[in-house]
C-alpha cells in the first residue's frame, strides 16, 4: 500500500511528463524496431521481386531463343516450306534470288539462303538489317 502524500502538483506534473516520455521512448523504440523490420521486409520483397523478374526474363529469353532455333532448323535448306508456311516472306525470297517467279528454288543459293534465314531468325540478337519482306 502506498504511503499517503500531500498533493504536490509540480511533482505530479513531472511524474506524468516522465511517464509520458518513457512511454514515448518505448513507442519510439518500438517504431524504430518496426521501421528496421519493415525495411528488412521491404528489402526481402524487393529482392524477391527482382529475383522473380530476372527468372521470368530468363525464361522468356530461353523460350524466344528456342523458338528462333526451331524456326531456323525448320526452314533451313527449305525455302519452299518457308514460302508455303510464311507467305509474308515471299517478296524477300524473290528479291534475294532464293526463289524464281514461278516458285522454283535456286539450289545454288541454298547456303546464302541459310545465312539470310539465320539472320532473320536471330535478328533481335544480331541487330542485323535483314531484308524481311
N, C-alpha and C. Protein backbone atom coordinates (compact mmCIF):
# COMPACT_ATOMS: atom_id res chain seq x y z
N UNK A 1 0.84 -1.17 0.00
CA UNK A 1 0.00 0.00 0.00
C UNK A 1 0.89 1.23 0.00
N UNK A 2 0.47 2.25 -0.72
CA UNK A 2 1.26 3.47 -0.84
C UNK A 2 1.11 4.33 0.40
N UNK A 3 2.21 5.03 0.71
CA UNK A 3 2.14 5.98 1.83
C UNK A 3 1.34 7.19 1.41
N UNK A 4 0.50 7.65 2.26
CA UNK A 4 -0.26 8.86 1.93
C UNK A 4 0.70 10.05 1.77
N UNK A 5 0.43 10.86 0.75
CA UNK A 5 1.27 12.03 0.48
C UNK A 5 0.37 13.23 0.26
N UNK A 6 0.96 14.38 0.54
CA UNK A 6 0.22 15.61 0.26
C UNK A 6 0.25 15.84 -1.25
N UNK A 7 -0.71 16.58 -1.69
CA UNK A 7 -0.82 16.87 -3.12
C UNK A 7 0.26 17.86 -3.51
N UNK A 8 1.18 17.44 -4.40
CA UNK A 8 2.23 18.31 -4.90
C UNK A 8 2.07 18.32 -6.42
N UNK A 9 1.44 19.39 -6.92
CA UNK A 9 1.14 19.45 -8.36
C UNK A 9 2.42 19.44 -9.21
N UNK A 10 3.46 20.12 -8.77
CA UNK A 10 4.72 20.16 -9.51
C UNK A 10 5.29 18.77 -9.68
N UNK A 11 5.30 18.02 -8.58
CA UNK A 11 5.81 16.66 -8.63
C UNK A 11 4.92 15.78 -9.49
N UNK A 12 3.62 15.97 -9.39
CA UNK A 12 2.66 15.21 -10.18
C UNK A 12 2.87 15.47 -11.68
N UNK A 13 3.08 16.73 -12.05
CA UNK A 13 3.32 17.09 -13.46
C UNK A 13 4.61 16.42 -13.94
N UNK A 14 5.67 16.53 -13.12
CA UNK A 14 6.94 15.88 -13.51
C UNK A 14 6.75 14.38 -13.67
N UNK A 15 6.02 13.74 -12.76
CA UNK A 15 5.77 12.30 -12.83
C UNK A 15 5.03 11.94 -14.11
N UNK A 16 4.02 12.71 -14.43
CA UNK A 16 3.26 12.46 -15.66
C UNK A 16 4.15 12.65 -16.89
N UNK A 17 4.95 13.76 -16.89
CA UNK A 17 5.87 14.01 -18.01
C UNK A 17 6.88 12.88 -18.16
N UNK A 18 7.46 12.46 -17.04
CA UNK A 18 8.43 11.37 -17.08
C UNK A 18 7.80 10.09 -17.62
N UNK A 19 6.60 9.78 -17.10
CA UNK A 19 5.91 8.57 -17.57
C UNK A 19 5.61 8.66 -19.07
N UNK A 20 5.15 9.83 -19.50
CA UNK A 20 4.84 10.02 -20.92
C UNK A 20 6.11 9.93 -21.79
N UNK A 21 7.18 10.54 -21.29
CA UNK A 21 8.44 10.49 -22.03
C UNK A 21 8.95 9.04 -22.13
N UNK A 22 8.80 8.32 -21.01
CA UNK A 22 9.23 6.92 -21.02
C UNK A 22 8.37 6.13 -22.00
N UNK A 23 7.06 6.39 -21.98
CA UNK A 23 6.16 5.70 -22.91
C UNK A 23 6.48 6.10 -24.35
N UNK A 24 6.71 7.42 -24.57
CA UNK A 24 7.10 7.88 -25.90
C UNK A 24 8.39 7.22 -26.35
N UNK A 25 9.31 7.09 -25.43
CA UNK A 25 10.59 6.46 -25.74
C UNK A 25 10.37 5.00 -26.14
N UNK A 26 9.50 4.31 -25.40
CA UNK A 26 9.19 2.92 -25.74
C UNK A 26 8.50 2.84 -27.09
N UNK A 27 7.58 3.77 -27.34
CA UNK A 27 6.89 3.82 -28.63
C UNK A 27 7.90 4.09 -29.75
N UNK A 28 8.80 5.04 -29.49
CA UNK A 28 9.82 5.34 -30.49
C UNK A 28 10.75 4.15 -30.72
N UNK A 29 11.11 3.47 -29.62
CA UNK A 29 11.93 2.27 -29.77
C UNK A 29 11.19 1.20 -30.58
N UNK A 30 9.90 1.03 -30.23
CA UNK A 30 9.08 0.07 -30.98
C UNK A 30 8.98 0.50 -32.45
N UNK A 31 8.78 1.80 -32.67
CA UNK A 31 8.68 2.31 -34.04
C UNK A 31 10.00 2.10 -34.78
N UNK A 32 11.11 2.32 -34.08
CA UNK A 32 12.42 2.09 -34.71
C UNK A 32 12.59 0.62 -35.05
N UNK A 33 12.22 -0.25 -34.11
CA UNK A 33 12.29 -1.69 -34.37
C UNK A 33 11.38 -2.07 -35.53
N UNK A 34 10.16 -1.49 -35.52
CA UNK A 34 9.21 -1.75 -36.59
C UNK A 34 9.78 -1.24 -37.91
N UNK A 35 10.38 -0.05 -37.87
CA UNK A 35 10.97 0.53 -39.07
C UNK A 35 12.08 -0.37 -39.61
N UNK A 36 12.93 -0.84 -38.72
CA UNK A 36 14.02 -1.73 -39.13
C UNK A 36 13.44 -3.02 -39.70
N UNK A 37 12.44 -3.55 -39.03
CA UNK A 37 11.80 -4.77 -39.50
C UNK A 37 11.10 -4.53 -40.84
N UNK A 38 10.44 -3.39 -40.95
CA UNK A 38 9.76 -3.03 -42.19
C UNK A 38 10.77 -2.86 -43.33
N UNK A 39 11.90 -2.22 -43.01
CA UNK A 39 12.94 -2.07 -44.02
C UNK A 39 13.44 -3.43 -44.48
N UNK A 40 13.65 -4.35 -43.52
CA UNK A 40 14.10 -5.70 -43.88
C UNK A 40 13.05 -6.40 -44.73
N UNK A 41 11.78 -6.25 -44.35
CA UNK A 41 10.70 -6.87 -45.10
C UNK A 41 10.63 -6.30 -46.51
N UNK A 42 10.71 -4.98 -46.61
CA UNK A 42 10.68 -4.34 -47.93
C UNK A 42 11.86 -4.80 -48.77
N UNK A 43 13.04 -4.88 -48.16
CA UNK A 43 14.23 -5.34 -48.88
C UNK A 43 14.05 -6.78 -49.34
N UNK A 44 13.49 -7.61 -48.46
CA UNK A 44 13.25 -9.01 -48.82
C UNK A 44 12.31 -9.10 -50.02
N UNK A 45 11.19 -8.36 -49.96
CA UNK A 45 10.24 -8.41 -51.07
C UNK A 45 10.82 -7.80 -52.32
N UNK A 46 11.60 -6.75 -52.19
CA UNK A 46 12.26 -6.14 -53.35
C UNK A 46 13.21 -7.15 -53.98
N UNK A 47 14.02 -7.79 -53.15
CA UNK A 47 14.94 -8.81 -53.66
C UNK A 47 14.18 -9.95 -54.33
N UNK A 48 13.07 -10.36 -53.71
CA UNK A 48 12.27 -11.44 -54.26
C UNK A 48 11.67 -11.04 -55.60
N UNK A 49 11.14 -9.82 -55.67
CA UNK A 49 10.55 -9.33 -56.92
C UNK A 49 11.62 -9.26 -58.00
N UNK A 50 12.76 -8.72 -57.66
CA UNK A 50 13.86 -8.63 -58.64
C UNK A 50 14.27 -10.03 -59.08
N UNK A 51 14.41 -10.93 -58.14
CA UNK A 51 14.79 -12.30 -58.46
C UNK A 51 13.76 -12.96 -59.37
N UNK A 52 12.49 -12.82 -59.03
CA UNK A 52 11.42 -13.42 -59.84
C UNK A 52 11.37 -12.77 -61.22
N UNK A 53 11.60 -11.47 -61.29
CA UNK A 53 11.61 -10.77 -62.57
C UNK A 53 12.75 -11.29 -63.44
N UNK A 54 13.91 -11.46 -62.85
CA UNK A 54 15.06 -11.99 -63.60
C UNK A 54 14.77 -13.41 -64.05
N UNK A 55 14.22 -14.24 -63.17
CA UNK A 55 13.87 -15.61 -63.55
C UNK A 55 12.88 -15.62 -64.70
N UNK A 56 11.88 -14.74 -64.63
CA UNK A 56 10.87 -14.64 -65.69
C UNK A 56 11.52 -14.20 -67.00
N UNK A 57 12.38 -13.18 -66.92
CA UNK A 57 13.05 -12.68 -68.12
C UNK A 57 13.91 -13.77 -68.74
N UNK A 58 14.64 -14.50 -67.93
CA UNK A 58 15.48 -15.59 -68.44
C UNK A 58 14.61 -16.65 -69.10
N UNK A 59 13.48 -16.97 -68.49
CA UNK A 59 12.57 -17.96 -69.06
C UNK A 59 12.03 -17.49 -70.41
N UNK A 60 11.63 -16.22 -70.48
CA UNK A 60 11.11 -15.67 -71.74
C UNK A 60 12.20 -15.68 -72.80
N UNK A 61 13.42 -15.26 -72.44
CA UNK A 61 14.54 -15.26 -73.39
C UNK A 61 14.83 -16.68 -73.86
N UNK A 62 14.83 -17.63 -72.94
CA UNK A 62 15.06 -19.04 -73.29
C UNK A 62 14.00 -19.52 -74.28
N UNK A 63 12.74 -19.19 -74.03
CA UNK A 63 11.65 -19.59 -74.92
C UNK A 63 11.81 -18.95 -76.30
N UNK A 64 12.17 -17.66 -76.31
CA UNK A 64 12.34 -16.96 -77.60
C UNK A 64 13.52 -17.53 -78.38
N UNK A 65 14.62 -17.84 -77.68
CA UNK A 65 15.77 -18.44 -78.37
C UNK A 65 15.43 -19.82 -78.92
N UNK A 66 14.69 -20.60 -78.13
CA UNK A 66 14.27 -21.92 -78.60
C UNK A 66 13.38 -21.77 -79.82
N UNK A 67 12.46 -20.83 -79.78
CA UNK A 67 11.57 -20.59 -80.91
C UNK A 67 12.37 -20.18 -82.16
N UNK A 68 13.36 -19.31 -81.98
CA UNK A 68 14.19 -18.87 -83.10
C UNK A 68 14.99 -20.06 -83.66
N UNK A 69 15.52 -20.90 -82.77
CA UNK A 69 16.25 -22.10 -83.22
C UNK A 69 15.31 -23.03 -83.99
N UNK A 70 14.12 -23.26 -83.45
CA UNK A 70 13.15 -24.13 -84.11
C UNK A 70 12.78 -23.56 -85.49
N UNK A 71 12.58 -22.24 -85.56
CA UNK A 71 12.26 -21.58 -86.82
C UNK A 71 13.38 -21.82 -87.83
N UNK A 72 14.62 -21.55 -87.41
CA UNK A 72 15.76 -21.72 -88.32
C UNK A 72 15.89 -23.17 -88.77
N UNK A 73 15.82 -24.10 -87.82
CA UNK A 73 16.01 -25.51 -88.18
C UNK A 73 14.87 -26.05 -89.06
N UNK A 74 13.68 -25.54 -88.85
CA UNK A 74 12.53 -25.98 -89.65
C UNK A 74 12.69 -25.57 -91.12
N UNK A 75 13.17 -24.34 -91.34
CA UNK A 75 13.20 -23.81 -92.71
C UNK A 75 14.59 -23.84 -93.34
N UNK A 76 15.59 -24.31 -92.60
CA UNK A 76 16.95 -24.41 -93.15
C UNK A 76 16.93 -25.35 -94.36
N UNK A 77 17.58 -24.91 -95.42
CA UNK A 77 17.66 -25.67 -96.67
C UNK A 77 16.28 -25.89 -97.32
N UNK A 78 15.27 -25.17 -96.89
CA UNK A 78 13.93 -25.42 -97.39
C UNK A 78 13.14 -24.12 -97.59
N UNK A 79 13.53 -23.29 -98.55
CA UNK A 79 12.79 -22.05 -98.79
C UNK A 79 11.36 -22.30 -99.27
N UNK A 80 11.11 -23.47 -99.89
CA UNK A 80 9.75 -23.78 -100.33
C UNK A 80 8.80 -23.85 -99.14
N UNK A 81 9.26 -24.52 -98.07
CA UNK A 81 8.42 -24.64 -96.88
C UNK A 81 8.21 -23.28 -96.22
N UNK A 82 9.26 -22.46 -96.17
CA UNK A 82 9.12 -21.11 -95.62
C UNK A 82 8.10 -20.32 -96.43
N UNK A 83 8.21 -20.41 -97.75
CA UNK A 83 7.29 -19.69 -98.63
C UNK A 83 5.85 -20.18 -98.41
N UNK A 84 5.69 -21.49 -98.26
CA UNK A 84 4.36 -22.07 -98.07
C UNK A 84 3.74 -21.67 -96.73
N UNK A 85 4.55 -21.77 -95.66
CA UNK A 85 4.01 -21.53 -94.32
C UNK A 85 4.06 -20.07 -93.89
N UNK A 86 4.93 -19.28 -94.55
CA UNK A 86 5.06 -17.86 -94.21
C UNK A 86 5.07 -17.03 -95.50
N UNK A 87 3.91 -16.86 -96.11
CA UNK A 87 3.86 -16.12 -97.37
C UNK A 87 4.33 -14.66 -97.24
N UNK A 88 4.42 -14.16 -96.01
CA UNK A 88 4.90 -12.78 -95.82
C UNK A 88 6.37 -12.63 -96.21
N UNK A 89 7.07 -13.74 -96.37
CA UNK A 89 8.49 -13.68 -96.76
C UNK A 89 8.72 -13.93 -98.25
N UNK A 90 7.66 -14.15 -99.03
CA UNK A 90 7.81 -14.45 -100.46
C UNK A 90 8.56 -13.34 -101.18
N UNK A 91 8.19 -12.09 -100.94
CA UNK A 91 8.87 -10.97 -101.61
C UNK A 91 10.36 -10.95 -101.29
N UNK A 92 10.71 -11.19 -100.02
CA UNK A 92 12.13 -11.21 -99.64
C UNK A 92 12.86 -12.37 -100.31
N UNK A 93 12.19 -13.52 -100.41
CA UNK A 93 12.79 -14.67 -101.08
C UNK A 93 13.03 -14.38 -102.57
N UNK A 94 12.07 -13.71 -103.17
CA UNK A 94 12.20 -13.32 -104.58
C UNK A 94 13.31 -12.27 -104.74
N UNK A 95 13.24 -11.23 -103.93
CA UNK A 95 14.21 -10.12 -104.03
C UNK A 95 15.64 -10.59 -103.82
N UNK A 96 15.83 -11.59 -102.98
CA UNK A 96 17.18 -12.09 -102.70
C UNK A 96 17.60 -13.22 -103.64
N UNK A 97 16.71 -13.57 -104.57
CA UNK A 97 17.06 -14.58 -105.57
C UNK A 97 17.06 -16.01 -105.05
N UNK A 98 16.37 -16.26 -103.97
CA UNK A 98 16.32 -17.62 -103.43
C UNK A 98 15.26 -18.46 -104.14
N UNK A 99 14.24 -17.80 -104.65
CA UNK A 99 13.22 -18.48 -105.46
C UNK A 99 13.02 -17.66 -106.74
N UNK A 100 12.48 -18.33 -107.74
CA UNK A 100 12.18 -17.67 -109.02
C UNK A 100 10.71 -17.28 -109.01
N UNK A 101 10.34 -16.50 -110.00
CA UNK A 101 8.94 -16.04 -110.12
C UNK A 101 7.96 -17.21 -110.15
N UNK A 102 8.37 -18.31 -110.74
CA UNK A 102 7.48 -19.47 -110.83
C UNK A 102 7.43 -20.28 -109.52
N UNK A 103 8.20 -19.86 -108.50
CA UNK A 103 8.20 -20.52 -107.20
C UNK A 103 9.27 -21.59 -107.06
N UNK A 104 10.01 -21.83 -108.13
CA UNK A 104 11.08 -22.83 -108.02
C UNK A 104 12.26 -22.23 -107.25
N UNK A 105 13.05 -23.11 -106.68
CA UNK A 105 14.14 -22.71 -105.80
C UNK A 105 15.47 -22.75 -106.55
N UNK A 106 16.30 -21.74 -106.32
CA UNK A 106 17.67 -21.75 -106.85
C UNK A 106 18.53 -22.54 -105.87
N UNK A 107 18.77 -23.80 -106.17
CA UNK A 107 19.52 -24.69 -105.27
C UNK A 107 20.97 -24.25 -105.09
N UNK A 108 21.49 -23.46 -106.02
CA UNK A 108 22.88 -22.99 -105.92
C UNK A 108 23.04 -21.88 -104.88
N UNK A 109 21.93 -21.34 -104.42
CA UNK A 109 22.00 -20.24 -103.44
C UNK A 109 21.54 -20.69 -102.05
N UNK A 110 21.46 -21.98 -101.82
CA UNK A 110 20.98 -22.51 -100.55
C UNK A 110 21.82 -22.03 -99.38
N UNK A 111 23.14 -22.03 -99.51
CA UNK A 111 24.00 -21.58 -98.40
C UNK A 111 23.78 -20.09 -98.11
N UNK A 112 23.51 -19.30 -99.14
CA UNK A 112 23.22 -17.87 -98.93
C UNK A 112 21.85 -17.72 -98.28
N UNK A 113 20.89 -18.53 -98.75
CA UNK A 113 19.56 -18.54 -98.13
C UNK A 113 19.65 -18.88 -96.66
N UNK A 114 20.44 -19.92 -96.30
CA UNK A 114 20.57 -20.32 -94.90
C UNK A 114 21.16 -19.20 -94.05
N UNK A 115 22.13 -18.49 -94.59
CA UNK A 115 22.71 -17.35 -93.88
C UNK A 115 21.65 -16.27 -93.66
N UNK A 116 20.89 -15.98 -94.71
CA UNK A 116 19.81 -14.99 -94.62
C UNK A 116 18.77 -15.43 -93.59
N UNK A 117 18.41 -16.72 -93.64
CA UNK A 117 17.42 -17.27 -92.72
C UNK A 117 17.91 -17.17 -91.27
N UNK A 118 19.19 -17.48 -91.06
CA UNK A 118 19.76 -17.37 -89.71
C UNK A 118 19.67 -15.93 -89.21
N UNK A 119 20.05 -14.98 -90.05
CA UNK A 119 19.98 -13.56 -89.65
C UNK A 119 18.53 -13.13 -89.42
N UNK A 120 17.60 -13.68 -90.19
CA UNK A 120 16.19 -13.38 -89.99
C UNK A 120 15.71 -13.93 -88.64
N UNK A 121 16.06 -15.17 -88.35
CA UNK A 121 15.61 -15.83 -87.12
C UNK A 121 16.18 -15.15 -85.88
N UNK A 122 17.43 -14.69 -85.97
CA UNK A 122 18.12 -14.13 -84.80
C UNK A 122 18.36 -12.63 -84.92
N UNK A 123 17.54 -11.98 -85.73
CA UNK A 123 17.69 -10.54 -85.95
C UNK A 123 17.75 -9.72 -84.66
N UNK A 124 16.86 -9.96 -83.70
CA UNK A 124 16.93 -9.15 -82.47
C UNK A 124 18.24 -9.32 -81.71
N UNK A 125 18.83 -10.51 -81.80
CA UNK A 125 20.09 -10.78 -81.10
C UNK A 125 21.26 -10.16 -81.86
N UNK A 126 21.24 -10.34 -83.17
CA UNK A 126 22.35 -9.89 -84.01
C UNK A 126 22.29 -8.40 -84.33
N UNK A 127 21.08 -7.82 -84.26
CA UNK A 127 20.93 -6.42 -84.59
C UNK A 127 21.12 -6.16 -86.07
N UNK A 128 20.93 -7.20 -86.89
CA UNK A 128 21.12 -7.10 -88.34
C UNK A 128 19.99 -6.34 -89.00
N UNK A 129 20.32 -5.80 -90.14
CA UNK A 129 19.30 -5.22 -91.02
C UNK A 129 19.03 -6.23 -92.11
N UNK A 130 18.24 -7.22 -91.82
CA UNK A 130 17.94 -8.28 -92.77
C UNK A 130 16.67 -7.90 -93.52
N UNK A 131 16.67 -8.13 -94.80
CA UNK A 131 15.51 -7.83 -95.64
C UNK A 131 14.44 -8.89 -95.37
N UNK A 132 13.38 -8.48 -94.64
CA UNK A 132 12.35 -9.43 -94.25
C UNK A 132 11.27 -9.58 -95.30
N UNK A 133 10.92 -8.50 -95.92
CA UNK A 133 9.84 -8.57 -96.91
C UNK A 133 9.77 -7.31 -97.71
